[in-house]
Amino acid sequence: MQKGIHPVYREATVHCACGNSFKTRTTIGDVSVDICSNCHPFFTGTQKIVDTEGRVERFKKKYAKKGK
């Protein structure tokens, strides 16, 4: 490896808007994010399916008959 061309890889702290923070390693320094795995709806299990036209119910009704 050539000397002097690689960036410095150092420890950094990631701060989320929800108040969570954790340590990682990066070349850019400390990072601020809007959402993390601690508050993201997909990872917390609070994700909801938004269905305004009844598509999910139609799908469930249509394929529930074929499954039996």
Protein backbone atom coordinates (compact mmCIF):
# COMPACT_ATOMS: atom_id res chain seq x y z
CA MET A 1 0.00 0.00 0.00
CA GLN A 2 1.20 3.47 -0.79
CA LYS A 3 1.77 5.84 2.06
CA GLY A 4 -0.09 9.11 2.41
CA ILE A 5 -3.06 8.39 0.10
CA HIS A 6 -5.44 6.63 2.50
CA PRO A 7 -7.89 8.60 4.68
CA VAL A 8 -7.76 8.38 8.46
CA TYR A 9 -10.22 5.76 9.72
CA ARG A 10 -11.21 6.73 13.25
CA GLU A 11 -13.93 6.17 15.83
CA ALA A 12 -17.02 8.37 15.50
CA THR A 13 -20.32 8.81 17.31
CA VAL A 14 -23.63 8.64 15.47
CA HIS A 15 -26.39 10.77 17.04
CA CYS A 16 -30.04 10.18 16.14
CA ALA A 17 -32.92 12.66 16.46
CA CYS A 18 -34.61 10.26 18.93
CA GLY A 19 -31.71 10.66 21.36
CA ASN A 20 -30.00 7.34 20.64
CA SER A 21 -26.27 7.39 20.00
CA PHE A 22 -23.72 4.71 19.24
CA LYS A 23 -20.08 4.39 18.29
CA THR A 24 -18.80 3.28 14.91
CA ARG A 25 -15.76 3.85 12.74
CA THR A 26 -15.70 6.23 9.78
CA THR A 27 -13.51 8.58 7.80
CA ILE A 28 -15.85 11.59 8.06
CA GLY A 29 -16.12 12.06 11.84
CA ASP A 30 -19.26 12.42 13.97
CA VAL A 31 -22.59 11.91 12.18
CA SER A 32 -26.13 13.15 12.91
CA VAL A 33 -29.06 11.16 11.47
CA ASP A 34 -32.83 11.65 11.47
CA ILE A 35 -33.78 8.02 12.07
CA CYS A 36 -31.95 4.93 13.33
CA SER A 37 -32.72 1.25 13.90
CA ASN A 38 -33.83 2.10 17.44
CA CYS A 39 -36.72 4.31 16.29
CA HIS A 40 -37.40 3.14 12.71
CA PRO A 41 -40.94 1.67 12.40
CA PHE A 42 -39.74 -1.37 10.43
CA PHE A 43 -37.28 -2.47 13.13
CA THR A 44 -39.49 -1.59 16.12
CA GLY A 45 -42.51 -3.52 14.80
CA THR A 46 -44.80 -0.49 14.73
CA GLN A 47 -44.98 -0.37 10.94
CA LYS A 48 -48.52 -0.05 9.63
CA ILE A 49 -49.82 -0.70 6.16
CA VAL A 50 -51.52 2.43 4.85
CA ASP A 51 -54.34 1.30 2.57
CA THR A 52 -56.88 3.89 1.45
CA GLU A 53 -58.51 1.91 -1.35
CA GLY A 54 -58.96 -1.49 0.31
CA ARG A 55 -56.28 -3.20 -1.77
CA VAL A 56 -54.92 -5.26 1.11
CA GLU A 57 -58.35 -6.55 2.09
CA ARG A 58 -59.19 -7.42 -1.52
CA PHE A 59 -55.91 -9.31 -1.84
CA LYS A 60 -56.49 -11.23 1.40
CA LYS A 61 -60.08 -12.10 0.42
CA LYS A 62 -59.07 -13.19 -3.08
CA TYR A 63 -56.26 -15.49 -2.03
CA ALA A 64 -57.78 -16.79 1.22
CA LYS A 65 -60.15 -18.97 -0.84
CA LYS A 66 -57.32 -20.55 -2.83
CA GLY A 67 -55.31 -21.41 0.27
CA LYS A 68 -57.98 -23.69 1.74
